[in-house]
Amino acid sequence: MPWSALWNDKSKKILNEMSAITASYYPECMGQMLIVNGGITLSGIWAVVKGWLDEKTRNAIVIWNSGYLKEL
């Protein structure tokens, strides 16, 4: 799937629906997701995508690019 497909209204609607279903039916499946050295591209994508997720899911995802050894 090309990156440009993430920016259209249909994709946003699908991601919103998937997030709502996941939050409703599988609320505690993911305690926390740590992404290490995701890079600048992933950080940019995350800046957009996180707005489509519910707060609980958004808070469970952490991206560390540099200085992550101190956090671990």
N, C-alpha and C. Protein backbone atom coordinates (compact mmCIF):
# COMPACT_ATOMS: atom_id res chain seq x y z
N MET A 1 0.85 -1.17 0.00
CA MET A 1 0.00 0.00 0.00
C MET A 1 0.90 1.24 0.00
N PRO A 2 0.70 2.15 -0.90
CA PRO A 2 1.52 3.37 -0.91
C PRO A 2 1.16 4.29 0.26
N TRP A 3 2.16 5.08 0.71
CA TRP A 3 1.93 6.00 1.82
C TRP A 3 0.80 6.97 1.52
N SER A 4 0.66 7.36 0.26
CA SER A 4 -0.37 8.33 -0.10
C SER A 4 -1.78 7.81 0.21
N ALA A 5 -1.94 6.50 0.27
CA ALA A 5 -3.26 5.91 0.56
C ALA A 5 -3.71 6.20 1.98
N LEU A 6 -2.79 6.53 2.87
CA LEU A 6 -3.16 6.82 4.26
C LEU A 6 -3.83 8.17 4.43
N TRP A 7 -3.71 9.03 3.44
CA TRP A 7 -4.16 10.41 3.61
C TRP A 7 -5.57 10.66 3.09
N ASN A 8 -6.20 9.67 2.46
CA ASN A 8 -7.54 9.95 1.94
C ASN A 8 -8.60 9.67 3.00
N ASP A 9 -9.79 10.18 2.77
CA ASP A 9 -10.88 10.09 3.76
C ASP A 9 -11.30 8.65 4.03
N LYS A 10 -11.30 7.81 3.00
CA LYS A 10 -11.71 6.42 3.18
C LYS A 10 -10.75 5.70 4.13
N SER A 11 -9.45 5.91 3.96
CA SER A 11 -8.46 5.28 4.84
C SER A 11 -8.59 5.78 6.27
N LYS A 12 -8.80 7.06 6.44
CA LYS A 12 -8.98 7.62 7.78
C LYS A 12 -10.19 7.01 8.47
N LYS A 13 -11.28 6.85 7.70
CA LYS A 13 -12.49 6.26 8.27
C LYS A 13 -12.25 4.82 8.69
N ILE A 14 -11.56 4.05 7.86
CA ILE A 14 -11.26 2.66 8.18
C ILE A 14 -10.38 2.57 9.42
N LEU A 15 -9.34 3.40 9.51
CA LEU A 15 -8.46 3.39 10.69
C LEU A 15 -9.21 3.78 11.95
N ASN A 16 -10.11 4.75 11.85
CA ASN A 16 -10.92 5.14 13.01
C ASN A 16 -11.81 4.00 13.46
N GLU A 17 -12.43 3.31 12.51
CA GLU A 17 -13.31 2.19 12.85
C GLU A 17 -12.51 1.04 13.47
N MET A 18 -11.34 0.75 12.90
CA MET A 18 -10.49 -0.31 13.45
C MET A 18 -10.06 0.02 14.87
N SER A 19 -9.72 1.26 15.11
CA SER A 19 -9.31 1.69 16.45
C SER A 19 -10.46 1.55 17.44
N ALA A 20 -11.65 1.94 17.03
CA ALA A 20 -12.82 1.85 17.91
C ALA A 20 -13.15 0.39 18.23
N ILE A 21 -13.09 -0.47 17.22
CA ILE A 21 -13.38 -1.91 17.44
C ILE A 21 -12.34 -2.51 18.37
N THR A 22 -11.09 -2.21 18.12
CA THR A 22 -10.01 -2.75 18.96
C THR A 22 -10.17 -2.28 20.40
N ALA A 23 -10.46 -1.01 20.60
CA ALA A 23 -10.62 -0.47 21.95
C ALA A 23 -11.83 -1.08 22.66
N SER A 24 -12.90 -1.36 21.90
CA SER A 24 -14.12 -1.89 22.50
C SER A 24 -14.04 -3.37 22.84
N TYR A 25 -13.47 -4.15 21.92
CA TYR A 25 -13.49 -5.60 22.08
C TYR A 25 -12.20 -6.21 22.62
N TYR A 26 -11.10 -5.47 22.50
CA TYR A 26 -9.81 -5.98 22.97
C TYR A 26 -9.10 -4.88 23.77
N PRO A 27 -9.72 -4.41 24.85
CA PRO A 27 -9.22 -3.21 25.54
C PRO A 27 -7.86 -3.35 26.21
N GLU A 28 -7.49 -4.52 26.65
CA GLU A 28 -6.25 -4.67 27.40
C GLU A 28 -5.26 -5.63 26.74
N CYS A 29 -5.37 -5.83 25.46
CA CYS A 29 -4.46 -6.76 24.77
C CYS A 29 -3.04 -6.21 24.70
N MET A 30 -2.90 -4.92 24.59
CA MET A 30 -1.57 -4.33 24.50
C MET A 30 -1.32 -3.47 25.72
N GLY A 31 -0.39 -3.88 26.55
CA GLY A 31 -0.04 -3.07 27.71
C GLY A 31 0.72 -1.84 27.27
N GLN A 32 1.78 -2.05 26.47
CA GLN A 32 2.57 -0.94 25.95
C GLN A 32 3.36 -1.42 24.75
N MET A 33 3.50 -0.56 23.76
CA MET A 33 4.30 -0.84 22.58
C MET A 33 5.46 0.14 22.56
N LEU A 34 6.67 -0.39 22.54
CA LEU A 34 7.86 0.44 22.47
C LEU A 34 8.48 0.29 21.09
N ILE A 35 8.70 1.39 20.42
CA ILE A 35 9.35 1.38 19.12
C ILE A 35 10.67 2.11 19.28
N VAL A 36 11.77 1.41 19.02
CA VAL A 36 13.11 1.97 19.21
C VAL A 36 13.73 2.20 17.84
N ASN A 37 14.30 3.38 17.66
CA ASN A 37 14.95 3.78 16.40
C ASN A 37 13.99 3.68 15.22
N GLY A 38 12.80 4.22 15.40
CA GLY A 38 11.80 4.20 14.34
C GLY A 38 12.14 5.14 13.19
N GLY A 39 12.96 6.14 13.46
CA GLY A 39 13.37 7.07 12.41
C GLY A 39 12.43 8.25 12.28
N ILE A 40 12.90 9.20 11.50
CA ILE A 40 12.17 10.46 11.33
C ILE A 40 10.87 10.24 10.54
N THR A 41 10.88 9.29 9.61
CA THR A 41 9.68 9.03 8.82
C THR A 41 8.57 8.49 9.70
N LEU A 42 8.89 7.52 10.54
CA LEU A 42 7.89 6.95 11.44
C LEU A 42 7.37 8.01 12.41
N SER A 43 8.26 8.86 12.90
CA SER A 43 7.83 9.93 13.81
C SER A 43 6.84 10.87 13.12
N GLY A 44 7.09 11.18 11.86
CA GLY A 44 6.18 12.04 11.11
C GLY A 44 4.83 11.38 10.88
N ILE A 45 4.86 10.10 10.54
CA ILE A 45 3.62 9.36 10.34
C ILE A 45 2.85 9.27 11.65
N TRP A 46 3.56 9.02 12.74
CA TRP A 46 2.93 8.92 14.06
C TRP A 46 2.24 10.23 14.44
N ALA A 47 2.86 11.35 14.08
CA ALA A 47 2.27 12.65 14.40
C ALA A 47 0.87 12.79 13.80
N VAL A 48 0.65 12.16 12.65
CA VAL A 48 -0.65 12.22 11.99
C VAL A 48 -1.58 11.12 12.51
N VAL A 49 -1.08 9.90 12.56
CA VAL A 49 -1.92 8.74 12.90
C VAL A 49 -2.41 8.76 14.34
N LYS A 50 -1.61 9.28 15.26
CA LYS A 50 -2.01 9.25 16.67
C LYS A 50 -3.30 10.02 16.92
N GLY A 51 -3.62 10.97 16.08
CA GLY A 51 -4.87 11.71 16.21
C GLY A 51 -6.09 10.87 15.90
N TRP A 52 -5.90 9.76 15.21
CA TRP A 52 -7.00 8.88 14.84
C TRP A 52 -7.26 7.81 15.89
N LEU A 53 -6.39 7.67 16.86
CA LEU A 53 -6.51 6.61 17.87
C LEU A 53 -7.14 7.16 19.15
N ASP A 54 -7.77 6.27 19.90
CA ASP A 54 -8.31 6.73 21.18
C ASP A 54 -7.15 6.98 22.14
N GLU A 55 -7.41 7.76 23.17
CA GLU A 55 -6.36 8.22 24.08
C GLU A 55 -5.62 7.07 24.77
N LYS A 56 -6.34 6.06 25.19
CA LYS A 56 -5.72 4.94 25.90
C LYS A 56 -4.71 4.21 25.00
N THR A 57 -5.09 3.96 23.76
CA THR A 57 -4.20 3.31 22.82
C THR A 57 -3.01 4.21 22.51
N ARG A 58 -3.28 5.48 22.28
CA ARG A 58 -2.22 6.45 21.96
C ARG A 58 -1.18 6.52 23.08
N ASN A 59 -1.64 6.48 24.32
CA ASN A 59 -0.72 6.57 25.46
C ASN A 59 0.09 5.29 25.66
N ALA A 60 -0.36 4.19 25.08
CA ALA A 60 0.34 2.91 25.23
C ALA A 60 1.47 2.74 24.22
N ILE A 61 1.57 3.65 23.25
CA ILE A 61 2.60 3.56 22.21
C ILE A 61 3.66 4.62 22.45
N VAL A 62 4.92 4.17 22.54
CA VAL A 62 6.04 5.07 22.80
C VAL A 62 7.08 4.87 21.70
N ILE A 63 7.55 5.97 21.12
CA ILE A 63 8.59 5.90 20.09
C ILE A 63 9.84 6.60 20.63
N TRP A 64 10.94 5.84 20.67
CA TRP A 64 12.24 6.39 21.09
C TRP A 64 13.17 6.39 19.89
N ASN A 65 13.71 7.54 19.53
CA ASN A 65 14.65 7.61 18.42
C ASN A 65 16.09 7.71 18.90
N SER A 66 16.38 8.64 19.76
CA SER A 66 17.74 8.76 20.26
C SER A 66 17.68 8.89 21.79
N GLY A 67 18.72 8.49 22.46
CA GLY A 67 18.74 8.56 23.90
C GLY A 67 17.89 7.50 24.57
N TYR A 68 17.51 6.49 23.81
CA TYR A 68 16.62 5.47 24.38
C TYR A 68 17.29 4.58 25.41
N LEU A 69 18.62 4.47 25.39
CA LEU A 69 19.31 3.63 26.36
C LEU A 69 19.10 4.11 27.78
N LYS A 70 19.00 5.43 27.96
CA LYS A 70 18.71 5.98 29.29
C LYS A 70 17.35 5.53 29.79
N GLU A 71 16.39 5.44 28.86
CA GLU A 71 15.03 5.06 29.22
C GLU A 71 14.91 3.57 29.55
N LEU A 72 15.69 2.75 28.84
CA LEU A 72 15.61 1.30 29.07
C LEU A 72 16.23 0.97 30.42
